[in-house]
PDB file of N, CA and C in Angstrom:
ATOM      1  N   MET A   1     -13.221  -3.044  12.308  1.00  0.00           N
ATOM      2  CA  MET A   1     -11.784  -3.248  12.269  1.00  0.00           C
ATOM      3  C   MET A   1     -11.504  -4.727  12.048  1.00  0.00           C
ATOM      4  N   SER A   2     -10.603  -5.016  11.121  1.00  0.00           N
ATOM      5  CA  SER A   2     -10.272  -6.410  10.836  1.00  0.00           C
ATOM      6  C   SER A   2      -9.309  -6.952  11.887  1.00  0.00           C
ATOM      7  N   LYS A   3      -9.184  -8.266  11.865  1.00  0.00           N
ATOM      8  CA  LYS A   3      -8.222  -8.903  12.757  1.00  0.00           C
ATOM      9  C   LYS A   3      -6.816  -8.479  12.354  1.00  0.00           C
ATOM     10  N   ALA A   4      -5.862  -8.811  13.183  1.00  0.00           N
ATOM     11  CA  ALA A   4      -4.472  -8.470  12.880  1.00  0.00           C
ATOM     12  C   ALA A   4      -3.898  -9.529  11.940  1.00  0.00           C
ATOM     13  N   TYR A   5      -3.777  -9.177  10.675  1.00  0.00           N
ATOM     14  CA  TYR A   5      -3.173 -10.050   9.678  1.00  0.00           C
ATOM     15  C   TYR A   5      -1.734  -9.592   9.447  1.00  0.00           C
ATOM     16  N   PRO A   6      -0.844 -10.498   9.063  1.00  0.00           N
ATOM     17  CA  PRO A   6       0.545 -10.097   8.806  1.00  0.00           C
ATOM     18  C   PRO A   6       0.675  -9.051   7.708  1.00  0.00           C
ATOM     19  N   SER A   7      -0.289  -9.000   6.805  1.00  0.00           N
ATOM     20  CA  SER A   7      -0.231  -8.054   5.690  1.00  0.00           C
ATOM     21  C   SER A   7      -0.720  -6.656   6.056  1.00  0.00           C
ATOM     22  N   ASN A   8      -1.294  -6.486   7.240  1.00  0.00           N
ATOM     23  CA  ASN A   8      -1.842  -5.182   7.633  1.00  0.00           C
ATOM     24  C   ASN A   8      -0.758  -4.122   7.770  1.00  0.00           C
ATOM     25  N   LEU A   9      -1.119  -2.912   7.419  1.00  0.00           N
ATOM     26  CA  LEU A   9      -0.238  -1.771   7.633  1.00  0.00           C
ATOM     27  C   LEU A   9      -0.242  -1.396   9.102  1.00  0.00           C
ATOM     28  N   SER A  10       0.888  -0.970   9.590  1.00  0.00           N
ATOM     29  CA  SER A  10       0.936  -0.440  10.947  1.00  0.00           C
ATOM     30  C   SER A  10       0.345   0.977  10.935  1.00  0.00           C
ATOM     31  N   GLN A  11       0.050   1.493  12.097  1.00  0.00           N
ATOM     32  CA  GLN A  11      -0.466   2.866  12.180  1.00  0.00           C
ATOM     33  C   GLN A  11       0.563   3.848  11.628  1.00  0.00           C
ATOM     34  N   ALA A  12       1.838   3.617  11.920  1.00  0.00           N
ATOM     35  CA  ALA A  12       2.895   4.510  11.419  1.00  0.00           C
ATOM     36  C   ALA A  12       2.956   4.480   9.895  1.00  0.00           C
ATOM     37  N   GLN A  13       2.829   3.284   9.301  1.00  0.00           N
ATOM     38  CA  GLN A  13       2.844   3.185   7.839  1.00  0.00           C
ATOM     39  C   GLN A  13       1.635   3.893   7.234  1.00  0.00           C
ATOM     40  N   PHE A  14       0.470   3.702   7.832  1.00  0.00           N
ATOM     41  CA  PHE A  14      -0.728   4.361   7.309  1.00  0.00           C
ATOM     42  C   PHE A  14      -0.605   5.881   7.423  1.00  0.00           C
ATOM     43  N   ASP A  15      -0.109   6.367   8.550  1.00  0.00           N
ATOM     44  CA  ASP A  15       0.072   7.812   8.711  1.00  0.00           C
ATOM     45  C   ASP A  15       1.053   8.354   7.673  1.00  0.00           C
ATOM     46  N   TYR A  16       2.055   7.567   7.331  1.00  0.00           N
ATOM     47  CA  TYR A  16       3.050   7.953   6.335  1.00  0.00           C
ATOM     48  C   TYR A  16       2.433   8.055   4.938  1.00  0.00           C
ATOM     49  N   LEU A  17       1.382   7.273   4.685  1.00  0.00           N
ATOM     50  CA  LEU A  17       0.713   7.252   3.377  1.00  0.00           C
ATOM     51  C   LEU A  17      -0.497   8.169   3.283  1.00  0.00           C
ATOM     52  N   ASN A  18      -1.027   8.572   4.399  1.00  0.00           N
ATOM     53  CA  ASN A  18      -2.330   9.229   4.443  1.00  0.00           C
ATOM     54  C   ASN A  18      -2.446  10.438   3.520  1.00  0.00           C
ATOM     55  N   ASP A  19      -1.395  11.222   3.376  1.00  0.00           N
ATOM     56  CA  ASP A  19      -1.491  12.414   2.534  1.00  0.00           C
ATOM     57  C   ASP A  19      -1.551  12.073   1.043  1.00  0.00           C
ATOM     58  N   LEU A  20      -1.229  10.833   0.671  1.00  0.00           N
ATOM     59  CA  LEU A  20      -1.322  10.415  -0.732  1.00  0.00           C
ATOM     60  C   LEU A  20      -2.735  10.022  -1.128  1.00  0.00           C
ATOM     61  N   LEU A  21      -3.550   9.683  -0.143  1.00  0.00           N
ATOM     62  CA  LEU A  21      -4.891   9.191  -0.434  1.00  0.00           C
ATOM     63  C   LEU A  21      -5.817  10.347  -0.781  1.00  0.00           C
ATOM     64  N   PRO A  22      -6.566  10.209  -1.880  1.00  0.00           N
ATOM     65  CA  PRO A  22      -7.457  11.291  -2.297  1.00  0.00           C
ATOM     66  C   PRO A  22      -8.552  11.551  -1.264  1.00  0.00           C
ATOM     67  N   ASP A  23      -8.932  12.806  -1.154  1.00  0.00           N
ATOM     68  CA  ASP A  23     -10.047  13.167  -0.278  1.00  0.00           C
ATOM     69  C   ASP A  23     -11.346  12.627  -0.866  1.00  0.00           C
ATOM     70  N   ALA A  24     -12.348  12.523  -0.014  1.00  0.00           N
ATOM     71  CA  ALA A  24     -13.674  12.108  -0.493  1.00  0.00           C
ATOM     72  C   ALA A  24     -14.201  13.164  -1.455  1.00  0.00           C
ATOM     73  N   LYS A  25     -14.943  12.709  -2.448  1.00  0.00           N
ATOM     74  CA  LYS A  25     -15.498  13.646  -3.425  1.00  0.00           C
ATOM     75  C   LYS A  25     -16.540  14.533  -2.759  1.00  0.00           C
ATOM     76  N   SER A  26     -16.510  15.791  -3.124  1.00  0.00           N
ATOM     77  CA  SER A  26     -17.484  16.713  -2.535  1.00  0.00           C
ATOM     78  C   SER A  26     -18.836  16.556  -3.226  1.00  0.00           C
ATOM     79  N   GLY A  27     -19.878  16.835  -2.489  1.00  0.00           N
ATOM     80  CA  GLY A  27     -21.218  16.815  -3.043  1.00  0.00           C
ATOM     81  C   GLY A  27     -21.881  15.457  -3.048  1.00  0.00           C
ATOM     82  N   GLY A  28     -21.152  14.419  -2.755  1.00  0.00           N
ATOM     83  CA  GLY A  28     -21.733  13.085  -2.763  1.00  0.00           C
ATOM     84  C   GLY A  28     -22.016  12.593  -1.358  1.00  0.00           C
ATOM     85  N   CYS A  29     -22.267  11.326  -1.270  1.00  0.00           N
ATOM     86  CA  CYS A  29     -22.470  10.708   0.039  1.00  0.00           C
ATOM     87  C   CYS A  29     -21.146  10.685   0.788  1.00  0.00           C
ATOM     88  N   PRO A  30     -21.191  10.747   2.097  1.00  0.00           N
ATOM     89  CA  PRO A  30     -19.946  10.635   2.857  1.00  0.00           C
ATOM     90  C   PRO A  30     -19.310   9.261   2.632  1.00  0.00           C
ATOM     91  N   ARG A  31     -18.019   9.214   2.761  1.00  0.00           N
ATOM     92  CA  ARG A  31     -17.286   7.961   2.564  1.00  0.00           C
ATOM     93  C   ARG A  31     -17.790   6.929   3.557  1.00  0.00           C
ATOM     94  N   GLN A  32     -18.077   5.734   3.056  1.00  0.00           N
ATOM     95  CA  GLN A  32     -18.659   4.676   3.879  1.00  0.00           C
ATOM     96  C   GLN A  32     -17.611   3.726   4.477  1.00  0.00           C
ATOM     97  N   VAL A  33     -16.400   3.737   3.919  1.00  0.00           N
ATOM     98  CA  VAL A  33     -15.376   2.783   4.366  1.00  0.00           C
ATOM     99  C   VAL A  33     -14.157   3.536   4.892  1.00  0.00           C
ATOM    100  N   ASP A  34     -13.436   2.871   5.759  1.00  0.00           N
ATOM    101  CA  ASP A  34     -12.194   3.401   6.309  1.00  0.00           C
ATOM    102  C   ASP A  34     -11.070   3.048   5.331  1.00  0.00           C
ATOM    103  N   LEU A  35     -10.302   4.038   4.873  1.00  0.00           N
ATOM    104  CA  LEU A  35      -9.261   3.782   3.882  1.00  0.00           C
ATOM    105  C   LEU A  35      -8.139   2.906   4.429  1.00  0.00           C
ATOM    106  N   TRP A  36      -7.906   2.943   5.724  1.00  0.00           N
ATOM    107  CA  TRP A  36      -6.929   2.044   6.322  1.00  0.00           C
ATOM    108  C   TRP A  36      -7.368   0.590   6.107  1.00  0.00           C
ATOM    109  N   GLU A  37      -8.666   0.337   6.305  1.00  0.00           N
ATOM    110  CA  GLU A  37      -9.204  -1.002   6.091  1.00  0.00           C
ATOM    111  C   GLU A  37      -9.158  -1.397   4.615  1.00  0.00           C
ATOM    112  N   VAL A  38      -9.389  -0.435   3.736  1.00  0.00           N
ATOM    113  CA  VAL A  38      -9.317  -0.705   2.296  1.00  0.00           C
ATOM    114  C   VAL A  38      -7.891  -1.106   1.921  1.00  0.00           C
ATOM    115  N   LEU A  39      -6.914  -0.342   2.387  1.00  0.00           N
ATOM    116  CA  LEU A  39      -5.518  -0.680   2.099  1.00  0.00           C
ATOM    117  C   LEU A  39      -5.137  -2.042   2.683  1.00  0.00           C
ATOM    118  N   ASN A  40      -5.586  -2.317   3.894  1.00  0.00           N
ATOM    119  CA  ASN A  40      -5.293  -3.612   4.500  1.00  0.00           C
ATOM    120  C   ASN A  40      -5.921  -4.748   3.691  1.00  0.00           C
ATOM    121  N   ALA A  41      -7.109  -4.524   3.163  1.00  0.00           N
ATOM    122  CA  ALA A  41      -7.763  -5.538   2.331  1.00  0.00           C
ATOM    123  C   ALA A  41      -6.986  -5.754   1.036  1.00  0.00           C
ATOM    124  N   ILE A  42      -6.526  -4.679   0.411  1.00  0.00           N
ATOM    125  CA  ILE A  42      -5.737  -4.799  -0.825  1.00  0.00           C
ATOM    126  C   ILE A  42      -4.448  -5.568  -0.545  1.00  0.00           C
ATOM    127  N   PHE A  43      -3.769  -5.226   0.539  1.00  0.00           N
ATOM    128  CA  PHE A  43      -2.525  -5.918   0.865  1.00  0.00           C
ATOM    129  C   PHE A  43      -2.779  -7.378   1.234  1.00  0.00           C
ATOM    130  N   TYR A  44      -3.917  -7.667   1.849  1.00  0.00           N
ATOM    131  CA  TYR A  44      -4.267  -9.053   2.154  1.00  0.00           C
ATOM    132  C   TYR A  44      -4.386  -9.855   0.861  1.00  0.00           C
ATOM    133  N   VAL A  45      -5.081  -9.301  -0.124  1.00  0.00           N
ATOM    134  CA  VAL A  45      -5.248  -9.982  -1.413  1.00  0.00           C
ATOM    135  C   VAL A  45      -3.887 -10.199  -2.064  1.00  0.00           C
ATOM    136  N   LEU A  46      -3.021  -9.181  -2.031  1.00  0.00           N
ATOM    137  CA  LEU A  46      -1.710  -9.295  -2.658  1.00  0.00           C
ATOM    138  C   LEU A  46      -0.824 -10.326  -1.965  1.00  0.00           C
ATOM    139  N   VAL A  47      -0.816 -10.312  -0.648  1.00  0.00           N
ATOM    140  CA  VAL A  47       0.063 -11.214   0.100  1.00  0.00           C
ATOM    141  C   VAL A  47      -0.457 -12.647   0.077  1.00  0.00           C
ATOM    142  N   GLU A  48      -1.750 -12.820   0.278  1.00  0.00           N
ATOM    143  CA  GLU A  48      -2.306 -14.169   0.368  1.00  0.00           C
ATOM    144  C   GLU A  48      -2.586 -14.787  -0.992  1.00  0.00           C
ATOM    145  N   GLY A  49      -2.635 -13.963  -2.042  1.00  0.00           N
ATOM    146  CA  GLY A  49      -2.864 -14.497  -3.377  1.00  0.00           C
ATOM    147  C   GLY A  49      -4.285 -14.957  -3.622  1.00  0.00           C
ATOM    148  N   CYS A  50      -5.211 -14.454  -2.835  1.00  0.00           N
ATOM    149  CA  CYS A  50      -6.612 -14.834  -3.034  1.00  0.00           C
ATOM    150  C   CYS A  50      -7.284 -13.828  -3.966  1.00  0.00           C
ATOM    151  N   SER A  51      -8.481 -14.133  -4.373  1.00  0.00           N
ATOM    152  CA  SER A  51      -9.239 -13.182  -5.180  1.00  0.00           C
ATOM    153  C   SER A  51      -9.854 -12.137  -4.262  1.00  0.00           C
ATOM    154  N   GLY A  52     -10.237 -11.030  -4.839  1.00  0.00           N
ATOM    155  CA  GLY A  52     -10.893  -9.991  -4.048  1.00  0.00           C
ATOM    156  C   GLY A  52     -12.175 -10.484  -3.406  1.00  0.00           C
ATOM    157  N   ARG A  53     -12.863 -11.344  -4.120  1.00  0.00           N
ATOM    158  CA  ARG A  53     -14.109 -11.892  -3.572  1.00  0.00           C
ATOM    159  C   ARG A  53     -13.852 -12.863  -2.431  1.00  0.00           C
ATOM    160  N   GLY A  54     -12.604 -13.285  -2.266  1.00  0.00           N
ATOM    161  CA  GLY A  54     -12.249 -14.207  -1.201  1.00  0.00           C
ATOM    162  C   GLY A  54     -11.798 -13.528   0.075  1.00  0.00           C
ATOM    163  N   LEU A  55     -12.006 -12.210   0.171  1.00  0.00           N
ATOM    164  CA  LEU A  55     -11.616 -11.491   1.387  1.00  0.00           C
ATOM    165  C   LEU A  55     -12.401 -12.005   2.591  1.00  0.00           C
ATOM    166  N   PRO A  56     -11.752 -12.137   3.745  1.00  0.00           N
ATOM    167  CA  PRO A  56     -12.493 -12.489   4.962  1.00  0.00           C
ATOM    168  C   PRO A  56     -13.564 -11.442   5.270  1.00  0.00           C
ATOM    169  N   ALA A  57     -14.574 -11.851   5.987  1.00  0.00           N
ATOM    170  CA  ALA A  57     -15.738 -10.995   6.252  1.00  0.00           C
ATOM    171  C   ALA A  57     -15.408  -9.793   7.125  1.00  0.00           C
ATOM    172  N   ASP A  58     -14.275  -9.794   7.832  1.00  0.00           N
ATOM    173  CA  ASP A  58     -13.967  -8.654   8.690  1.00  0.00           C
ATOM    174  C   ASP A  58     -13.351  -7.483   7.924  1.00  0.00           C
ATOM    175  N   PHE A  59     -13.107  -7.640   6.625  1.00  0.00           N
ATOM    176  CA  PHE A  59     -12.685  -6.532   5.765  1.00  0.00           C
ATOM    177  C   PHE A  59     -13.924  -5.891   5.143  1.00  0.00           C
ATOM    178  N   PRO A  60     -13.769  -4.691   4.566  1.00  0.00           N
ATOM    179  CA  PRO A  60     -14.894  -4.124   3.821  1.00  0.00           C
ATOM    180  C   PRO A  60     -15.266  -5.054   2.663  1.00  0.00           C
ATOM    181  N   ALA A  61     -16.453  -4.861   2.122  1.00  0.00           N
ATOM    182  CA  ALA A  61     -16.916  -5.665   0.996  1.00  0.00           C
ATOM    183  C   ALA A  61     -15.932  -5.537  -0.170  1.00  0.00           C
ATOM    184  N   TRP A  62     -15.838  -6.560  -0.992  1.00  0.00           N
ATOM    185  CA  TRP A  62     -14.848  -6.576  -2.065  1.00  0.00           C
ATOM    186  C   TRP A  62     -15.100  -5.497  -3.106  1.00  0.00           C
ATOM    187  N   GLN A  63     -16.360  -5.106  -3.337  1.00  0.00           N
ATOM    188  CA  GLN A  63     -16.657  -4.129  -4.386  1.00  0.00           C
ATOM    189  C   GLN A  63     -15.996  -2.778  -4.145  1.00  0.00           C
ATOM    190  N   PRO A  64     -16.164  -2.154  -2.965  1.00  0.00           N
ATOM    191  CA  PRO A  64     -15.472  -0.877  -2.760  1.00  0.00           C
ATOM    192  C   PRO A  64     -13.947  -1.024  -2.708  1.00  0.00           C
ATOM    193  N   VAL A  65     -13.456  -2.145  -2.199  1.00  0.00           N
ATOM    194  CA  VAL A  65     -12.011  -2.377  -2.169  1.00  0.00           C
ATOM    195  C   VAL A  65     -11.481  -2.403  -3.598  1.00  0.00           C
ATOM    196  N   TYR A  66     -12.154  -3.154  -4.450  1.00  0.00           N
ATOM    197  CA  TYR A  66     -11.735  -3.240  -5.849  1.00  0.00           C
ATOM    198  C   TYR A  66     -11.842  -1.882  -6.538  1.00  0.00           C
ATOM    199  N   THR A  67     -12.920  -1.148  -6.274  1.00  0.00           N
ATOM    200  CA  THR A  67     -13.119   0.171  -6.897  1.00  0.00           C
ATOM    201  C   THR A  67     -12.015   1.135  -6.491  1.00  0.00           C
ATOM    202  N   TYR A  68     -11.670   1.169  -5.209  1.00  0.00           N
ATOM    203  CA  TYR A  68     -10.574   2.039  -4.764  1.00  0.00           C
ATOM    204  C   TYR A  68      -9.266   1.635  -5.428  1.00  0.00           C
ATOM    205  N   PHE A  69      -8.972   0.328  -5.442  1.00  0.00           N
ATOM    206  CA  PHE A  69      -7.726  -0.126  -6.061  1.00  0.00           C
ATOM    207  C   PHE A  69      -7.683   0.272  -7.535  1.00  0.00           C
ATOM    208  N   TRP A  70      -8.755   0.054  -8.255  1.00  0.00           N
ATOM    209  CA  TRP A  70      -8.800   0.363  -9.686  1.00  0.00           C
ATOM    210  C   TRP A  70      -8.629   1.868  -9.923  1.00  0.00           C
ATOM    211  N   ASN A  71      -9.339   2.678  -9.148  1.00  0.00           N
ATOM    212  CA  ASN A  71      -9.227   4.134  -9.312  1.00  0.00           C
ATOM    213  C   ASN A  71      -7.827   4.627  -8.959  1.00  0.00           C
ATOM    214  N   TRP A  72      -7.246   4.085  -7.900  1.00  0.00           N
ATOM    215  CA  TRP A  72      -5.895   4.495  -7.508  1.00  0.00           C
ATOM    216  C   TRP A  72      -4.882   4.045  -8.549  1.00  0.00           C
ATOM    217  N   ARG A  73      -5.132   2.933  -9.176  1.00  0.00           N
ATOM    218  CA  ARG A  73      -4.232   2.460 -10.222  1.00  0.00           C
ATOM    219  C   ARG A  73      -4.308   3.372 -11.441  1.00  0.00           C
ATOM    220  N   LYS A  74      -5.503   3.789 -11.780  1.00  0.00           N
ATOM    221  CA  LYS A  74      -5.680   4.653 -12.947  1.00  0.00           C
ATOM    222  C   LYS A  74      -5.095   6.047 -12.730  1.00  0.00           C
ATOM    223  N   ASP A  75      -5.245   6.605 -11.532  1.00  0.00           N
ATOM    224  CA  ASP A  75      -4.804   7.989 -11.320  1.00  0.00           C
ATOM    225  C   ASP A  75      -3.375   8.118 -10.777  1.00  0.00           C
ATOM    226  N   GLY A  76      -2.662   7.006 -10.616  1.00  0.00           N
ATOM    227  CA  GLY A  76      -1.269   7.047 -10.181  1.00  0.00           C
ATOM    228  C   GLY A  76      -1.066   6.989  -8.679  1.00  0.00           C
ATOM    229  N   THR A  77      -2.147   6.967  -7.913  1.00  0.00           N
ATOM    230  CA  THR A  77      -2.029   6.905  -6.455  1.00  0.00           C
ATOM    231  C   THR A  77      -1.345   5.614  -6.020  1.00  0.00           C
ATOM    232  N   TRP A  78      -1.644   4.503  -6.695  1.00  0.00           N
ATOM    233  CA  TRP A  78      -1.080   3.223  -6.285  1.00  0.00           C
ATOM    234  C   TRP A  78       0.441   3.207  -6.447  1.00  0.00           C
ATOM    235  N   ILE A  79       0.961   3.791  -7.519  1.00  0.00           N
ATOM    236  CA  ILE A  79       2.417   3.879  -7.708  1.00  0.00           C
ATOM    237  C   ILE A  79       3.028   4.748  -6.613  1.00  0.00           C
ATOM    238  N   ALA A  80       2.358   5.840  -6.270  1.00  0.00           N
ATOM    239  CA  ALA A  80       2.853   6.716  -5.206  1.00  0.00           C
ATOM    240  C   ALA A  80       2.874   5.982  -3.866  1.00  0.00           C
ATOM    241  N   ILE A  81       1.846   5.166  -3.600  1.00  0.00           N
ATOM    242  CA  ILE A  81       1.805   4.374  -2.368  1.00  0.00           C
ATOM    243  C   ILE A  81       2.973   3.388  -2.352  1.00  0.00           C
ATOM    244  N   HIS A  82       3.186   2.706  -3.457  1.00  0.00           N
ATOM    245  CA  HIS A  82       4.295   1.752  -3.560  1.00  0.00           C
ATOM    246  C   HIS A  82       5.635   2.431  -3.282  1.00  0.00           C
ATOM    247  N   ASP A  83       5.860   3.559  -3.946  1.00  0.00           N
ATOM    248  CA  ASP A  83       7.134   4.258  -3.779  1.00  0.00           C
ATOM    249  C   ASP A  83       7.324   4.755  -2.355  1.00  0.00           C
ATOM    250  N   ARG A  84       6.265   5.255  -1.756  1.00  0.00           N
ATOM    251  CA  ARG A  84       6.352   5.758  -0.379  1.00  0.00           C
ATOM    252  C   ARG A  84       6.621   4.612   0.597  1.00  0.00           C
ATOM    253  N   LEU A  85       5.967   3.470   0.406  1.00  0.00           N
ATOM    254  CA  LEU A  85       6.217   2.334   1.300  1.00  0.00           C
ATOM    255  C   LEU A  85       7.627   1.781   1.128  1.00  0.00           C
ATOM    256  N   ARG A  86       8.145   1.790  -0.098  1.00  0.00           N
ATOM    257  CA  ARG A  86       9.528   1.356  -0.314  1.00  0.00           C
ATOM    258  C   ARG A  86      10.480   2.279   0.447  1.00  0.00           C
ATOM    259  N   LYS A  87      10.225   3.580   0.364  1.00  0.00           N
ATOM    260  CA  LYS A  87      11.066   4.543   1.080  1.00  0.00           C
ATOM    261  C   LYS A  87      10.964   4.329   2.593  1.00  0.00           C
ATOM    262  N   PHE A  88       9.743   4.089   3.092  1.00  0.00           N
ATOM    263  CA  PHE A  88       9.525   3.840   4.514  1.00  0.00           C
ATOM    264  C   PHE A  88      10.328   2.622   4.967  1.00  0.00           C
ATOM    265  N   THR A  89      10.281   1.549   4.170  1.00  0.00           N
ATOM    266  CA  THR A  89      10.995   0.326   4.519  1.00  0.00           C
ATOM    267  C   THR A  89      12.500   0.548   4.520  1.00  0.00           C
ATOM    268  N   CYS A  90      12.988   1.272   3.539  1.00  0.00           N
ATOM    269  CA  CYS A  90      14.427   1.554   3.490  1.00  0.00           C
ATOM    270  C   CYS A  90      14.870   2.381   4.691  1.00  0.00           C
ATOM    271  N   LEU A  91      14.096   3.376   5.051  1.00  0.00           N
ATOM    272  CA  LEU A  91      14.437   4.189   6.215  1.00  0.00           C
ATOM    273  C   LEU A  91      14.393   3.364   7.494  1.00  0.00           C
ATOM    274  N   GLU A  92      13.355   2.538   7.610  1.00  0.00           N
ATOM    275  CA  GLU A  92      13.179   1.724   8.807  1.00  0.00           C
ATOM    276  C   GLU A  92      14.314   0.712   8.975  1.00  0.00           C
ATOM    277  N   GLN A  93      14.798   0.168   7.856  1.00  0.00           N
ATOM    278  CA  GLN A  93      15.854  -0.836   7.915  1.00  0.00           C
ATOM    279  C   GLN A  93      17.240  -0.252   7.667  1.00  0.00           C
ATOM    280  N   GLU A  94      17.314   1.076   7.595  1.00  0.00           N
ATOM    281  CA  GLU A  94      18.577   1.794   7.389  1.00  0.00           C
ATOM    282  C   GLU A  94      19.322   1.276   6.158  1.00  0.00           C
ATOM    283  N   ARG A  95      18.584   1.176   5.059  1.00  0.00           N
ATOM    284  CA  ARG A  95      19.146   0.731   3.786  1.00  0.00           C
ATOM    285  C   ARG A  95      19.195   1.905   2.829  1.00  0.00           C
ATOM    286  N   PRO A  96      19.998   1.781   1.758  1.00  0.00           N
ATOM    287  CA  PRO A  96      19.965   2.821   0.720  1.00  0.00           C
ATOM    288  C   PRO A  96      18.576   2.884   0.089  1.00  0.00           C
ATOM    289  N   ARG A  97      18.172   4.075  -0.337  1.00  0.00           N
ATOM    290  CA  ARG A  97      16.836   4.230  -0.916  1.00  0.00           C
ATOM    291  C   ARG A  97      16.680   3.519  -2.245  1.00  0.00           C
ATOM    292  N   SER A  98      17.776   3.219  -2.909  1.00  0.00           N
ATOM    293  CA  SER A  98      17.707   2.624  -4.233  1.00  0.00           C
ATOM    294  C   SER A  98      18.742   1.509  -4.340  1.00  0.00           C
ATOM    295  N   PRO A  99      18.397   0.390  -4.994  1.00  0.00           N
ATOM    296  CA  PRO A  99      19.389  -0.668  -5.175  1.00  0.00           C
ATOM    297  C   PRO A  99      20.600  -0.189  -5.979  1.00  0.00           C
ATOM    298  N   THR A 100      20.417   0.782  -6.870  1.00  0.00           N
ATOM    299  CA  THR A 100      21.546   1.269  -7.657  1.00  0.00           C
ATOM    300  C   THR A 100      22.542   1.998  -6.774  1.00  0.00           C
ATOM    301  N   LEU A 101      22.092   2.622  -5.700  1.00  0.00           N
ATOM    302  CA  LEU A 101      23.013   3.253  -4.764  1.00  0.00           C
ATOM    303  C   LEU A 101      23.875   2.196  -4.083  1.00  0.00           C
ATOM    304  N   ARG A 102      23.285   1.064  -3.812  1.00  0.00           N
ATOM    305  CA  ARG A 102      24.024  -0.022  -3.179  1.00  0.00           C
ATOM    306  C   ARG A 102      25.067  -0.569  -4.149  1.00  0.00           C
ATOM    307  N   GLU A 103      24.683  -0.748  -5.422  1.00  0.00           N
ATOM    308  CA  GLU A 103      25.618  -1.255  -6.414  1.00  0.00           C
ATOM    309  C   GLU A 103      26.768  -0.281  -6.627  1.00  0.00           C
ATOM    310  N   ALA A 104      26.463   1.002  -6.643  1.00  0.00           N
ATOM    311  CA  ALA A 104      27.494   2.010  -6.866  1.00  0.00           C
ATOM    312  C   ALA A 104      28.501   2.038  -5.724  1.00  0.00           C
ATOM    313  N   SER A 105      28.076   1.613  -4.545  1.00  0.00           N
ATOM    314  CA  SER A 105      28.972   1.652  -3.396  1.00  0.00           C
ATOM    315  C   SER A 105      29.774   0.363  -3.230  1.00  0.00           C
ATOM    316  N   CYS A 106      29.572  -0.630  -4.118  1.00  0.00           N
ATOM    317  CA  CYS A 106      30.353  -1.875  -4.041  1.00  0.00           C
ATOM    318  C   CYS A 106      31.818  -1.575  -4.314  1.00  0.00           C
ATOM    319  N   SER A 107      32.685  -2.228  -3.580  1.00  0.00           N
ATOM    320  CA  SER A 107      34.111  -1.935  -3.741  1.00  0.00           C
ATOM    321  C   SER A 107      34.664  -2.453  -5.056  1.00  0.00           C
ATOM    322  N   ASN A 108      34.133  -3.553  -5.589  1.00  0.00           N
ATOM    323  CA  ASN A 108      34.683  -4.104  -6.813  1.00  0.00           C
ATOM    324  C   ASN A 108      34.059  -3.482  -8.071  1.00  0.00           C
ATOM    325  N   GLY A 109      33.010  -2.696  -7.932  1.00  0.00           N
ATOM    326  CA  GLY A 109      32.416  -1.993  -9.048  1.00  0.00           C
ATOM    327  C   GLY A 109      31.608  -2.862  -9.998  1.00  0.00           C
ATOM    328  N   ARG A 110      31.385  -4.136  -9.671  1.00  0.00           N
ATOM    329  CA  ARG A 110      30.609  -5.012 -10.540  1.00  0.00           C
ATOM    330  C   ARG A 110      29.131  -4.654 -10.487  1.00  0.00           C
ATOM    331  N   GLN A 111      28.501  -4.847 -11.599  1.00  0.00           N
ATOM    332  CA  GLN A 111      27.055  -4.639 -11.619  1.00  0.00           C
ATOM    333  C   GLN A 111      26.391  -6.000 -11.688  1.00  0.00           C
ATOM    334  N   TYR A 112      25.331  -6.159 -10.923  1.00  0.00           N
ATOM    335  CA  TYR A 112      24.603  -7.419 -10.872  1.00  0.00           C
ATOM    336  C   TYR A 112      23.307  -7.267 -11.640  1.00  0.00           C
ATOM    337  N   ARG A 113      22.948  -8.299 -12.367  1.00  0.00           N
ATOM    338  CA  ARG A 113      21.697  -8.240 -13.146  1.00  0.00           C
ATOM    339  C   ARG A 113      20.762  -9.292 -12.666  1.00  0.00           C
TER     340      ARG A 113
END
């Protein structure tokens, strides 16, 4: 388990995403890494702006982290994770699910670009 970084997902956020994550492939070796740790490593790289190879040692090795990110990007899982986390944040902060809903509810009807 990695240290508590500001970029880490909470348990509630991870549980909210868990059904989007692909199951381990059948017939192969059992999964060696915890997907919560993989996601936390990806978010660490995104938030801190470091390279994948610059991950602190308490995260999984950069190779499986990069492989999961690349595969999720190719199969659409990463977009689904993004959309689900945006929805989670909007619900948590009691905001409209979409910025266009907020614009539509403006009293003056102006659109902002």
